Amino acid sequence: PWTKKNPFLSMFLSGANVASGRARGLWTQ
């Protein structure tokens, strides 16, 4: 069960990646 794919975790990490990318872009600007 620890190696099984988790769609909710995948969505959460995708959203976190988008948010961190936007924050990095604003900081660089």
PDB file of all heavy atoms in Angstrom:
ATOM      1  N   PRO A   1       0.810  -1.229   0.000  1.00  0.00           N
ATOM      2  CA  PRO A   1       0.000   0.000   0.000  1.00  0.00           C
ATOM      3  C   PRO A   1       0.838   1.271   0.000  1.00  0.00           C
ATOM      4  O   PRO A   1       0.357   2.341  -0.389  1.00  0.00           O
ATOM      5  CB  PRO A   1      -0.830  -0.116   1.274  1.00  0.00           C
ATOM      6  CG  PRO A   1      -0.097  -1.061   2.141  1.00  0.00           C
ATOM      7  CD  PRO A   1       0.662  -1.992   1.225  1.00  0.00           C
ATOM      8  N   TRP A   2       2.106   1.215   0.398  1.00  0.00           N
ATOM      9  CA  TRP A   2       2.952   2.403   0.439  1.00  0.00           C
ATOM     10  C   TRP A   2       3.443   2.807  -0.935  1.00  0.00           C
ATOM     11  O   TRP A   2       3.819   3.955  -1.157  1.00  0.00           O
ATOM     12  CB  TRP A   2       4.146   2.170   1.365  1.00  0.00           C
ATOM     13  CG  TRP A   2       3.720   1.996   2.788  1.00  0.00           C
ATOM     14  CD1 TRP A   2       3.691   0.834   3.475  1.00  0.00           C
ATOM     15  CD2 TRP A   2       3.233   2.995   3.661  1.00  0.00           C
ATOM     16  NE1 TRP A   2       3.217   1.031   4.740  1.00  0.00           N
ATOM     17  CE2 TRP A   2       2.930   2.365   4.888  1.00  0.00           C
ATOM     18  CE3 TRP A   2       3.000   4.360   3.546  1.00  0.00           C
ATOM     19  CZ2 TRP A   2       2.418   3.062   5.975  1.00  0.00           C
ATOM     20  CZ3 TRP A   2       2.510   5.038   4.636  1.00  0.00           C
ATOM     21  CH2 TRP A   2       2.218   4.397   5.836  1.00  0.00           C
ATOM     22  N   THR A   3       3.450   1.880  -1.890  1.00  0.00           N
ATOM     23  CA  THR A   3       3.916   2.197  -3.243  1.00  0.00           C
ATOM     24  C   THR A   3       2.753   2.426  -4.198  1.00  0.00           C
ATOM     25  O   THR A   3       2.965   2.662  -5.377  1.00  0.00           O
ATOM     26  CB  THR A   3       4.790   1.053  -3.774  1.00  0.00           C
ATOM     27  OG1 THR A   3       4.032  -0.158  -3.788  1.00  0.00           O
ATOM     28  CG2 THR A   3       6.039   0.885  -2.932  1.00  0.00           C
ATOM     29  N   LYS A   4       1.539   2.345  -3.693  1.00  0.00           N
ATOM     30  CA  LYS A   4       0.354   2.554  -4.521  1.00  0.00           C
ATOM     31  C   LYS A   4       0.213   4.045  -4.852  1.00  0.00           C
ATOM     32  O   LYS A   4       0.530   4.908  -4.040  1.00  0.00           O
ATOM     33  CB  LYS A   4      -0.873   2.066  -3.754  1.00  0.00           C
ATOM     34  CG  LYS A   4      -2.101   1.910  -4.587  1.00  0.00           C
ATOM     35  CD  LYS A   4      -3.199   1.277  -3.743  1.00  0.00           C
ATOM     36  CE  LYS A   4      -4.442   1.100  -4.574  1.00  0.00           C
ATOM     37  NZ  LYS A   4      -5.536   0.537  -3.777  1.00  0.00           N
ATOM     38  N   LYS A   5      -0.263   4.343  -6.060  1.00  0.00           N
ATOM     39  CA  LYS A   5      -0.442   5.737  -6.470  1.00  0.00           C
ATOM     40  C   LYS A   5      -1.589   6.374  -5.692  1.00  0.00           C
ATOM     41  O   LYS A   5      -2.622   5.756  -5.455  1.00  0.00           O
ATOM     42  CB  LYS A   5      -0.734   5.821  -7.966  1.00  0.00           C
ATOM     43  CG  LYS A   5       0.444   5.456  -8.826  1.00  0.00           C
ATOM     44  CD  LYS A   5       0.128   5.664 -10.288  1.00  0.00           C
ATOM     45  CE  LYS A   5       1.311   5.311 -11.137  1.00  0.00           C
ATOM     46  NZ  LYS A   5       1.029   5.490 -12.563  1.00  0.00           N
ATOM     47  N   ASN A   6      -1.386   7.637  -5.310  1.00  0.00           N
ATOM     48  CA  ASN A   6      -2.389   8.375  -4.555  1.00  0.00           C
ATOM     49  C   ASN A   6      -2.761   9.616  -5.360  1.00  0.00           C
ATOM     50  O   ASN A   6      -1.989  10.579  -5.434  1.00  0.00           O
ATOM     51  CB  ASN A   6      -1.825   8.756  -3.186  1.00  0.00           C
ATOM     52  CG  ASN A   6      -2.855   9.412  -2.299  1.00  0.00           C
ATOM     53  OD1 ASN A   6      -3.921   9.773  -2.752  1.00  0.00           O
ATOM     54  ND2 ASN A   6      -2.526   9.561  -1.033  1.00  0.00           N
ATOM     55  N   PRO A   7      -3.949   9.652  -5.974  1.00  0.00           N
ATOM     56  CA  PRO A   7      -4.314  10.805  -6.816  1.00  0.00           C
ATOM     57  C   PRO A   7      -4.480  12.093  -6.013  1.00  0.00           C
ATOM     58  O   PRO A   7      -4.196  13.175  -6.511  1.00  0.00           O
ATOM     59  CB  PRO A   7      -5.629  10.382  -7.467  1.00  0.00           C
ATOM     60  CG  PRO A   7      -6.168   9.299  -6.607  1.00  0.00           C
ATOM     61  CD  PRO A   7      -4.985   8.626  -5.973  1.00  0.00           C
ATOM     62  N   PHE A   8      -4.908  12.001  -4.768  1.00  0.00           N
ATOM     63  CA  PHE A   8      -5.086  13.216  -3.964  1.00  0.00           C
ATOM     64  C   PHE A   8      -3.741  13.850  -3.617  1.00  0.00           C
ATOM     65  O   PHE A   8      -3.583  15.068  -3.667  1.00  0.00           O
ATOM     66  CB  PHE A   8      -5.876  12.900  -2.693  1.00  0.00           C
ATOM     67  CG  PHE A   8      -7.259  12.405  -2.976  1.00  0.00           C
ATOM     68  CD1 PHE A   8      -7.599  11.093  -2.732  1.00  0.00           C
ATOM     69  CD2 PHE A   8      -8.218  13.252  -3.516  1.00  0.00           C
ATOM     70  CE1 PHE A   8      -8.870  10.633  -3.015  1.00  0.00           C
ATOM     71  CE2 PHE A   8      -9.489  12.804  -3.805  1.00  0.00           C
ATOM     72  CZ  PHE A   8      -9.823  11.481  -3.550  1.00  0.00           C
ATOM     73  N   LEU A   9      -2.770  13.023  -3.303  1.00  0.00           N
ATOM     74  CA  LEU A   9      -1.436  13.538  -3.023  1.00  0.00           C
ATOM     75  C   LEU A   9      -0.827  14.142  -4.287  1.00  0.00           C
ATOM     76  O   LEU A   9      -0.168  15.190  -4.232  1.00  0.00           O
ATOM     77  CB  LEU A   9      -0.538  12.424  -2.483  1.00  0.00           C
ATOM     78  CG  LEU A   9       0.886  12.829  -2.120  1.00  0.00           C
ATOM     79  CD1 LEU A   9       0.866  13.871  -1.006  1.00  0.00           C
ATOM     80  CD2 LEU A   9       1.695  11.620  -1.716  1.00  0.00           C
ATOM     81  N   SER A  10      -1.079  13.511  -5.413  1.00  0.00           N
ATOM     82  CA  SER A  10      -0.567  14.033  -6.680  1.00  0.00           C
ATOM     83  C   SER A  10      -1.158  15.408  -6.983  1.00  0.00           C
ATOM     84  O   SER A  10      -0.448  16.331  -7.391  1.00  0.00           O
ATOM     85  CB  SER A  10      -0.899  13.059  -7.805  1.00  0.00           C
ATOM     86  OG  SER A  10      -0.458  13.555  -9.033  1.00  0.00           O
ATOM     87  N   MET A  11      -2.471  15.562  -6.772  1.00  0.00           N
ATOM     88  CA  MET A  11      -3.112  16.866  -7.006  1.00  0.00           C
ATOM     89  C   MET A  11      -2.583  17.920  -6.038  1.00  0.00           C
ATOM     90  O   MET A  11      -2.351  19.069  -6.414  1.00  0.00           O
ATOM     91  CB  MET A  11      -4.630  16.746  -6.884  1.00  0.00           C
ATOM     92  CG  MET A  11      -5.282  16.008  -8.030  1.00  0.00           C
ATOM     93  SD  MET A  11      -7.089  16.088  -8.015  1.00  0.00           S
ATOM     94  CE  MET A  11      -7.474  15.267  -6.483  1.00  0.00           C
ATOM     95  N   PHE A  12      -2.403  17.525  -4.778  1.00  0.00           N
ATOM     96  CA  PHE A  12      -1.888  18.459  -3.780  1.00  0.00           C
ATOM     97  C   PHE A  12      -0.484  18.929  -4.153  1.00  0.00           C
ATOM     98  O   PHE A  12      -0.183  20.129  -4.098  1.00  0.00           O
ATOM     99  CB  PHE A  12      -1.870  17.802  -2.407  1.00  0.00           C
ATOM    100  CG  PHE A  12      -1.220  18.650  -1.350  1.00  0.00           C
ATOM    101  CD1 PHE A  12      -1.901  19.717  -0.788  1.00  0.00           C
ATOM    102  CD2 PHE A  12       0.079  18.399  -0.950  1.00  0.00           C
ATOM    103  CE1 PHE A  12      -1.305  20.505   0.169  1.00  0.00           C
ATOM    104  CE2 PHE A  12       0.684  19.186   0.017  1.00  0.00           C
ATOM    105  CZ  PHE A  12       0.000  20.244   0.573  1.00  0.00           C
ATOM    106  N   LEU A  13       0.373  18.009  -4.553  1.00  0.00           N
ATOM    107  CA  LEU A  13       1.743  18.381  -4.913  1.00  0.00           C
ATOM    108  C   LEU A  13       1.780  19.228  -6.185  1.00  0.00           C
ATOM    109  O   LEU A  13       2.607  20.134  -6.302  1.00  0.00           O
ATOM    110  CB  LEU A  13       2.607  17.131  -5.067  1.00  0.00           C
ATOM    111  CG  LEU A  13       2.911  16.391  -3.765  1.00  0.00           C
ATOM    112  CD1 LEU A  13       3.689  15.125  -4.059  1.00  0.00           C
ATOM    113  CD2 LEU A  13       3.671  17.281  -2.808  1.00  0.00           C
ATOM    114  N   SER A  14       0.888  18.953  -7.123  1.00  0.00           N
ATOM    115  CA  SER A  14       0.824  19.777  -8.324  1.00  0.00           C
ATOM    116  C   SER A  14       0.423  21.208  -7.981  1.00  0.00           C
ATOM    117  O   SER A  14       0.997  22.176  -8.495  1.00  0.00           O
ATOM    118  CB  SER A  14      -0.171  19.188  -9.321  1.00  0.00           C
ATOM    119  OG  SER A  14       0.275  17.955  -9.800  1.00  0.00           O
ATOM    120  N   GLY A  15      -0.570  21.353  -7.108  1.00  0.00           N
ATOM    121  CA  GLY A  15      -0.990  22.689  -6.681  1.00  0.00           C
ATOM    122  C   GLY A  15       0.102  23.413  -5.921  1.00  0.00           C
ATOM    123  O   GLY A  15       0.313  24.617  -6.092  1.00  0.00           O
ATOM    124  N   ALA A  16       0.815  22.682  -5.069  1.00  0.00           N
ATOM    125  CA  ALA A  16       1.910  23.294  -4.317  1.00  0.00           C
ATOM    126  C   ALA A  16       3.029  23.735  -5.258  1.00  0.00           C
ATOM    127  O   ALA A  16       3.645  24.783  -5.058  1.00  0.00           O
ATOM    128  CB  ALA A  16       2.453  22.305  -3.291  1.00  0.00           C
ATOM    129  N   ASN A  17       3.284  22.952  -6.300  1.00  0.00           N
ATOM    130  CA  ASN A  17       4.309  23.311  -7.278  1.00  0.00           C
ATOM    131  C   ASN A  17       3.919  24.572  -8.041  1.00  0.00           C
ATOM    132  O   ASN A  17       4.754  25.448  -8.291  1.00  0.00           O
ATOM    133  CB  ASN A  17       4.541  22.142  -8.233  1.00  0.00           C
ATOM    134  CG  ASN A  17       5.765  22.340  -9.082  1.00  0.00           C
ATOM    135  OD1 ASN A  17       6.652  23.094  -8.727  1.00  0.00           O
ATOM    136  ND2 ASN A  17       5.810  21.658 -10.208  1.00  0.00           N
ATOM    137  N   VAL A  18       2.656  24.690  -8.403  1.00  0.00           N
ATOM    138  CA  VAL A  18       2.178  25.896  -9.096  1.00  0.00           C
ATOM    139  C   VAL A  18       2.319  27.120  -8.194  1.00  0.00           C
ATOM    140  O   VAL A  18       2.797  28.180  -8.630  1.00  0.00           O
ATOM    141  CB  VAL A  18       0.705  25.706  -9.552  1.00  0.00           C
ATOM    142  CG1 VAL A  18       0.109  27.027 -10.002  1.00  0.00           C
ATOM    143  CG2 VAL A  18       0.623  24.687 -10.659  1.00  0.00           C
ATOM    144  N   ALA A  19       1.915  26.977  -6.943  1.00  0.00           N
ATOM    145  CA  ALA A  19       1.997  28.107  -6.015  1.00  0.00           C
ATOM    146  C   ALA A  19       3.443  28.530  -5.783  1.00  0.00           C
ATOM    147  O   ALA A  19       3.751  29.733  -5.762  1.00  0.00           O
ATOM    148  CB  ALA A  19       1.341  27.737  -4.686  1.00  0.00           C
ATOM    149  N   SER A  20       4.333  27.579  -5.627  1.00  0.00           N
ATOM    150  CA  SER A  20       5.737  27.936  -5.402  1.00  0.00           C
ATOM    151  C   SER A  20       6.349  28.551  -6.655  1.00  0.00           C
ATOM    152  O   SER A  20       7.192  29.441  -6.560  1.00  0.00           O
ATOM    153  CB  SER A  20       6.534  26.712  -4.950  1.00  0.00           C
ATOM    154  OG  SER A  20       6.586  25.752  -5.984  1.00  0.00           O
ATOM    155  N   GLY A  21       5.929  28.107  -7.826  1.00  0.00           N
ATOM    156  CA  GLY A  21       6.422  28.706  -9.068  1.00  0.00           C
ATOM    157  C   GLY A  21       5.985  30.153  -9.211  1.00  0.00           C
ATOM    158  O   GLY A  21       6.765  31.010  -9.627  1.00  0.00           O
ATOM    159  N   ARG A  22       4.750  30.426  -8.863  1.00  0.00           N
ATOM    160  CA  ARG A  22       4.254  31.812  -8.929  1.00  0.00           C
ATOM    161  C   ARG A  22       4.975  32.697  -7.925  1.00  0.00           C
ATOM    162  O   ARG A  22       5.337  33.837  -8.224  1.00  0.00           O
ATOM    163  CB  ARG A  22       2.756  31.852  -8.677  1.00  0.00           C
ATOM    164  CG  ARG A  22       1.946  31.322  -9.829  1.00  0.00           C
ATOM    165  CD  ARG A  22       0.469  31.401  -9.541  1.00  0.00           C
ATOM    166  NE  ARG A  22      -0.292  30.815 -10.638  1.00  0.00           N
ATOM    167  CZ  ARG A  22      -1.574  30.541 -10.585  1.00  0.00           C
ATOM    168  NH1 ARG A  22      -2.256  30.808  -9.494  1.00  0.00           N
ATOM    169  NH2 ARG A  22      -2.183  30.005 -11.617  1.00  0.00           N
ATOM    170  N   ALA A  23       5.174  32.178  -6.722  1.00  0.00           N
ATOM    171  CA  ALA A  23       5.873  32.959  -5.700  1.00  0.00           C
ATOM    172  C   ALA A  23       7.306  33.238  -6.130  1.00  0.00           C
ATOM    173  O   ALA A  23       7.812  34.351  -5.945  1.00  0.00           O
ATOM    174  CB  ALA A  23       5.857  32.203  -4.367  1.00  0.00           C
ATOM    175  N   ARG A  24       7.969  32.243  -6.710  1.00  0.00           N
ATOM    176  CA  ARG A  24       9.338  32.447  -7.174  1.00  0.00           C
ATOM    177  C   ARG A  24       9.373  33.486  -8.297  1.00  0.00           C
ATOM    178  O   ARG A  24      10.265  34.328  -8.354  1.00  0.00           O
ATOM    179  CB  ARG A  24       9.933  31.123  -7.661  1.00  0.00           C
ATOM    180  CG  ARG A  24      11.417  31.233  -7.991  1.00  0.00           C
ATOM    181  CD  ARG A  24      11.931  29.975  -8.645  1.00  0.00           C
ATOM    182  NE  ARG A  24      11.339  29.866  -9.978  1.00  0.00           N
ATOM    183  CZ  ARG A  24      10.929  28.726 -10.523  1.00  0.00           C
ATOM    184  NH1 ARG A  24      11.011  27.612  -9.875  1.00  0.00           N
ATOM    185  NH2 ARG A  24      10.410  28.728 -11.729  1.00  0.00           N
ATOM    186  N   GLY A  25       8.378  33.455  -9.179  1.00  0.00           N
ATOM    187  CA  GLY A  25       8.315  34.434 -10.262  1.00  0.00           C
ATOM    188  C   GLY A  25       8.133  35.852  -9.744  1.00  0.00           C
ATOM    189  O   GLY A  25       8.783  36.787 -10.220  1.00  0.00           O
ATOM    190  N   LEU A  26       7.252  36.016  -8.770  1.00  0.00           N
ATOM    191  CA  LEU A  26       7.042  37.352  -8.195  1.00  0.00           C
ATOM    192  C   LEU A  26       8.287  37.843  -7.469  1.00  0.00           C
ATOM    193  O   LEU A  26       8.644  39.020  -7.556  1.00  0.00           O
ATOM    194  CB  LEU A  26       5.843  37.332  -7.252  1.00  0.00           C
ATOM    195  CG  LEU A  26       4.478  37.170  -7.910  1.00  0.00           C
ATOM    196  CD1 LEU A  26       3.393  37.010  -6.853  1.00  0.00           C
ATOM    197  CD2 LEU A  26       4.170  38.353  -8.815  1.00  0.00           C
ATOM    198  N   TRP A  27       8.946  36.940  -6.751  1.00  0.00           N
ATOM    199  CA  TRP A  27      10.160  37.303  -6.030  1.00  0.00           C
ATOM    200  C   TRP A  27      11.256  37.719  -7.005  1.00  0.00           C
ATOM    201  O   TRP A  27      11.954  38.724  -6.791  1.00  0.00           O
ATOM    202  CB  TRP A  27      10.622  36.124  -5.179  1.00  0.00           C
ATOM    203  CG  TRP A  27      11.854  36.401  -4.406  1.00  0.00           C
ATOM    204  CD1 TRP A  27      11.947  37.107  -3.245  1.00  0.00           C
ATOM    205  CD2 TRP A  27      13.182  36.003  -4.740  1.00  0.00           C
ATOM    206  NE1 TRP A  27      13.263  37.156  -2.843  1.00  0.00           N
ATOM    207  CE2 TRP A  27      14.045  36.481  -3.747  1.00  0.00           C
ATOM    208  CE3 TRP A  27      13.727  35.278  -5.795  1.00  0.00           C
ATOM    209  CZ2 TRP A  27      15.402  36.265  -3.777  1.00  0.00           C
ATOM    210  CZ3 TRP A  27      15.089  35.057  -5.816  1.00  0.00           C
ATOM    211  CH2 TRP A  27      15.904  35.550  -4.810  1.00  0.00           C
ATOM    212  N   THR A  28      11.401  36.980  -8.095  1.00  0.00           N
ATOM    213  CA  THR A  28      12.416  37.313  -9.097  1.00  0.00           C
ATOM    214  C   THR A  28      12.105  38.649  -9.760  1.00  0.00           C
ATOM    215  O   THR A  28      13.003  39.466  -9.981  1.00  0.00           O
ATOM    216  CB  THR A  28      12.481  36.205 -10.163  1.00  0.00           C
ATOM    217  OG1 THR A  28      12.726  34.961  -9.519  1.00  0.00           O
ATOM    218  CG2 THR A  28      13.565  36.474 -11.184  1.00  0.00           C
ATOM    219  N   GLN A  29      10.838  38.888 -10.052  1.00  0.00           N
ATOM    220  CA  GLN A  29      10.436  40.150 -10.664  1.00  0.00           C
ATOM    221  C   GLN A  29      10.753  41.326  -9.744  1.00  0.00           C
ATOM    222  O   GLN A  29      11.289  42.350 -10.190  1.00  0.00           O
ATOM    223  CB  GLN A  29       8.939  40.114 -10.970  1.00  0.00           C
ATOM    224  CG  GLN A  29       8.392  41.378 -11.590  1.00  0.00           C
ATOM    225  CD  GLN A  29       6.893  41.319 -11.748  1.00  0.00           C
ATOM    226  OE1 GLN A  29       6.215  40.482 -11.151  1.00  0.00           O
ATOM    227  NE2 GLN A  29       6.347  42.218 -12.535  1.00  0.00           N
TER     228      GLN A  29
END
